[in-house]
Amino acid sequence: MKAFTIGLLVVVFLAAPALAGDVMSDWANSDSYIEKVPGMIIRGTANAVVSPFDVLMGPVKEYQDNPSWAIPVTGLLRGFQDGLDRLGRAAFDVGGSIFPKFNGFANYKPCPLTGMSLGKPAGGGGTA
């Protein structure tokens, strides 16, 4: 039983970014309550699973944006900020999934594991 539980956690952990991709964002933003609830719960759970990787990837993203000597400190702070932001959005998705007109807060930052977005920004955001 313990091995099954660990195996299931590994599968959920590895599948989290894929589960929260465009299909789940479309479901979470749906007007249909039947689609919205599971979409928000899955998107929120996936964001909660992925949020610790924001902390780990913070120094890398900070160095890519601004190479300097203060990377460890500023990168770690940026990672904590991104991780807490993603975790907060996950809590609102899971907790707010029962409210009919609330579609949660999509995460506009790319997933640190795959680079895909765990939510679509409002307004389309086309290229200029």
Foldseek 3Di string as FASTA:
>chain_A
DVVVVVVVVVVCLVCLVVLLAPCLQCQLPDLDLVSNLVSLLSLLVSLLSQLQVLQVCQLVVCCVVPNDDCSVPRSNVRSVVSSVVSNVQSCCSNVVSVPNPDSTDFAQAARSPPRGGSHDDPPNPDDD
